[in-house]
Protein backbone atom coordinates (compact mmCIF):
# COMPACT_ATOMS: atom_id res chain seq x y z
CA MET A 1 62.49 13.80 6.37
CA LEU A 2 60.71 10.48 6.77
CA GLY A 3 62.07 7.28 8.27
CA VAL A 4 60.84 3.87 7.18
CA PHE A 5 61.52 1.77 10.29
CA LEU A 6 61.54 -1.77 8.94
CA ASP A 7 62.03 -5.33 10.18
CA THR A 8 61.76 -8.77 8.62
CA GLU A 9 61.48 -12.28 9.98
CA THR A 10 62.87 -15.02 7.76
CA ASN A 11 63.20 -18.78 7.72
CA GLY A 12 67.01 -18.55 7.69
CA LEU A 13 69.97 -16.24 7.23
CA ASN A 14 70.92 -17.08 3.64
CA ALA A 15 68.98 -14.85 1.23
CA TYR A 16 69.85 -17.20 -1.65
CA ARG A 17 68.09 -20.11 0.04
CA HIS A 18 65.70 -18.64 2.62
CA ARG A 19 62.62 -16.44 2.33
CA VAL A 20 60.86 -13.59 4.11
CA LEU A 21 58.20 -14.97 6.46
CA GLU A 22 57.00 -11.61 7.75
CA ILE A 23 57.68 -7.94 7.05
CA ALA A 24 56.61 -4.85 8.94
CA PHE A 25 57.38 -1.16 8.83
CA LYS A 26 56.26 2.18 10.17
CA ILE A 27 56.74 5.44 8.30
CA ILE A 28 57.65 8.14 10.81
CA ASP A 29 58.21 11.87 10.42
CA LEU A 30 61.72 12.18 11.88
CA ARG A 31 61.14 15.80 12.88
CA THR A 32 58.02 15.19 14.95
CA GLY A 33 57.87 11.45 15.62
CA GLU A 34 54.43 11.35 13.98
CA LEU A 35 53.33 8.00 12.58
CA LYS A 36 52.35 8.39 8.92
CA GLU A 37 51.47 4.78 8.13
CA ALA A 38 52.16 1.23 9.31
CA TYR A 39 52.19 -2.09 7.48
CA GLU A 40 52.71 -5.73 8.36
CA ALA A 41 52.20 -8.98 6.49
CA ILE A 42 52.93 -12.66 6.83
CA LEU A 43 54.05 -14.19 3.54
CA HIS A 44 52.89 -17.48 2.09
CA GLN A 45 55.55 -20.20 1.96
CA SER A 46 55.32 -23.17 -0.38
CA ASN A 47 56.17 -26.63 0.92
CA ASP A 48 59.52 -26.47 -0.89
CA GLU A 49 60.37 -23.06 0.60
CA TRP A 50 59.39 -24.23 4.07
CA LYS A 51 61.51 -27.39 3.79
CA ARG A 52 64.61 -25.19 3.35
CA SER A 53 63.95 -23.47 6.71
CA ASP A 54 66.73 -23.25 9.26
CA PRO A 55 65.36 -24.62 12.57
CA ALA A 56 67.45 -22.10 14.55
CA SER A 57 65.71 -19.18 12.78
CA LEU A 58 62.28 -20.71 13.36
CA LYS A 59 63.13 -21.08 17.04
CA VAL A 60 63.78 -17.32 17.25
CA ASN A 61 60.61 -16.21 15.44
CA GLY A 62 58.32 -19.10 16.38
CA PHE A 63 56.66 -19.35 12.98
CA THR A 64 54.97 -22.54 11.87
CA HIS A 65 54.26 -23.66 8.34
CA GLU A 66 50.54 -23.49 9.11
CA GLN A 67 50.85 -19.76 9.81
CA THR A 68 52.68 -19.10 6.57
CA ILE A 69 50.30 -21.20 4.47
CA ARG A 70 47.64 -18.59 5.30
CA GLY A 71 50.03 -15.75 4.40
CA LYS A 72 49.83 -13.42 1.43
CA LYS A 73 51.59 -14.17 -1.85
CA ALA A 74 54.84 -12.26 -2.33
CA ASP A 75 53.56 -10.33 -5.37
CA ILE A 76 50.57 -9.06 -3.36
CA VAL A 77 52.84 -7.93 -0.51
CA ALA A 78 55.20 -6.25 -3.00
CA ALA A 79 52.27 -4.35 -4.56
CA GLU A 80 50.97 -3.27 -1.14
CA ILE A 81 54.42 -2.08 -0.06
CA THR A 82 54.90 -0.20 -3.33
CA ASN A 83 51.51 1.51 -3.01
CA ILE A 84 52.19 2.58 0.58
CA LEU A 85 55.67 3.93 -0.12
CA GLN A 86 54.46 5.77 -3.21
CA ARG A 87 51.43 7.21 -1.39
CA ASN A 88 53.74 8.53 1.35
CA LYS A 89 56.20 9.97 -1.20
CA ILE A 90 59.11 7.86 0.00
CA ARG A 91 61.86 9.19 -2.24
CA ARG A 92 65.60 9.48 -2.26
CA GLY A 93 66.69 12.61 -0.43
CA GLU A 94 63.37 12.85 1.42
CA ALA A 95 63.39 9.57 3.34
CA VAL A 96 65.67 6.83 4.67
CA PHE A 97 65.18 3.24 5.74
CA ILE A 98 66.17 2.50 9.34
CA CYS A 99 66.70 -1.05 10.60
CA GLN A 100 68.56 -2.92 13.30
CA ASN A 101 70.53 -4.80 10.65
CA PRO A 102 69.97 -3.29 7.19
CA SER A 103 72.48 -5.56 5.45
CA PHE A 104 70.15 -8.42 6.40
CA ASP A 105 66.77 -6.71 5.96
CA ARG A 106 67.62 -5.03 2.67
CA ILE A 107 68.62 -8.21 0.85
CA PHE A 108 65.45 -9.96 2.00
CA PHE A 109 63.36 -6.86 1.17
CA SER A 110 64.83 -7.09 -2.33
CA GLN A 111 63.30 -10.56 -2.69
CA LEU A 112 59.94 -8.78 -2.58
CA VAL A 113 60.66 -5.58 -4.49
CA ASP A 114 63.33 -5.96 -7.16
CA PRO A 115 66.26 -3.52 -6.77
CA ASP A 116 65.66 -2.22 -10.32
CA VAL A 117 62.08 -1.35 -9.37
CA GLN A 118 63.34 0.37 -6.22
CA GLU A 119 65.77 2.36 -8.34
CA ASN A 120 63.13 3.31 -10.93
CA LEU A 121 60.85 4.54 -8.13
CA GLN A 122 63.76 6.54 -6.67
CA TRP A 123 63.38 4.91 -3.27
CA PRO A 124 66.09 5.75 -0.74
CA TYR A 125 69.32 3.85 -1.12
CA TYR A 126 70.36 4.83 2.39
CA TRP A 127 69.56 2.04 4.82
CA LEU A 128 70.71 3.22 8.24
CA ASP A 129 71.30 1.01 11.25
CA LEU A 130 70.63 1.61 14.92
CA ALA A 131 73.89 -0.03 16.02
CA SER A 132 76.00 2.55 14.14
CA MET A 133 73.95 5.40 15.55
CA TYR A 134 74.45 4.00 19.03
CA TRP A 135 78.15 3.37 18.31
CA ALA A 136 78.77 7.02 17.41
CA GLU A 137 76.85 8.29 20.43
CA SER A 138 78.54 5.88 22.86
CA ILE A 139 82.02 6.74 21.53
CA ARG A 140 81.24 10.39 22.29
CA LYS A 141 80.04 9.48 25.79
CA GLY A 142 82.92 7.04 26.29
CA LYS A 143 85.45 9.85 25.98
CA GLU A 144 84.01 11.21 29.24
CA ASN A 145 83.35 7.83 30.88
CA PRO A 146 85.02 4.68 29.47
CA GLN A 147 82.12 2.54 30.73
CA HIS A 148 80.01 4.00 27.88
CA PHE A 149 82.19 2.66 25.06
CA PRO A 150 80.19 0.27 22.84
CA TRP A 151 82.63 -2.60 23.35
CA VAL A 152 81.86 -2.33 27.07
CA THR A 153 78.08 -1.95 26.83
CA GLY A 154 77.50 -4.15 23.77
CA PHE A 155 75.52 -2.89 20.80
CA SER A 156 72.87 -5.44 19.92
CA LYS A 157 69.38 -3.94 20.01
CA ASP A 158 68.65 -5.62 23.34
CA ARG A 159 71.97 -4.39 24.80
CA ILE A 160 71.22 -0.87 23.57
CA ALA A 161 67.79 -1.12 25.20
CA ALA A 162 69.39 -2.23 28.48
CA VAL A 163 71.72 0.79 28.49
CA TYR A 164 68.65 3.04 28.34
CA HIS A 165 66.70 0.91 30.86
CA LEU A 166 64.23 -0.23 28.22
CA PRO A 167 62.76 -3.74 27.95
CA GLY A 168 64.24 -6.23 25.50
CA GLU A 169 62.42 -7.27 22.35
CA GLN A 170 59.47 -9.60 22.86
CA HIS A 171 59.90 -13.31 22.14
CA PRO A 172 59.19 -15.02 19.87
CA HIS A 173 60.32 -12.30 17.48
CA ARG A 174 57.69 -10.79 15.22
CA ALA A 175 58.42 -8.09 12.65
CA MET A 176 56.12 -5.39 14.07
CA ASN A 177 57.43 -6.03 17.59
CA GLY A 178 60.91 -5.54 16.13
CA VAL A 179 59.83 -2.26 14.54
CA ASP A 180 58.28 -1.02 17.78
CA HIS A 181 61.39 -1.97 19.75
CA LEU A 182 63.60 -0.30 17.13
CA LEU A 183 61.55 2.89 17.45
CA LEU A 184 61.76 2.80 21.24
CA CYS A 185 65.55 2.48 21.09
CA TYR A 186 65.90 5.07 18.30
CA GLU A 187 63.95 7.61 20.35
CA LYS A 188 66.38 7.18 23.27
CA VAL A 189 69.58 7.11 21.21
CA ILE A 190 68.73 9.84 18.67
CA GLY A 191 65.29 11.27 19.46
CA PHE A 192 62.82 13.10 17.28
CA GLY A 193 62.61 16.81 16.61
CA CYS A 194 64.80 19.54 15.24
């Protein structure tokens, strides 16, 4: 089973108005932890797209319009992503996507690769989230020690990292840093191997 650990940085939270600024992912063998392939790209933003940016989001990720002007066009990024996922045989039943917040990342990912294309290619429709994995594990631990319950510890990625004595995510946020931090947390919460 393969895991596509994925993160996006966007210029806002509304997928109907905002765009993906950066996307990154690593394809990992979930049995061994072996890296199969990694990808990251900054996407070009037109002046009109950039004008719709939410300043609060840009404060988190630190992107400037100058950086995105040099980015790749969305259709190029979509083709590169498609080629990588196809080359690595990312298919339903053989792989899953794993994110910190898949309800956010998936809708922005779908700006790049149309959901009908994803369906035709039989890409996984399971987008798993770290917070739920942590929630289940901390409920189990909380039955023995109430201090482990997720409502006590918190369950943001940085709070999960703190529970396991890991560093928080680097600032400003960048997609590949988010992927690396996600992997670090996943390895502590779930681990690799059979």
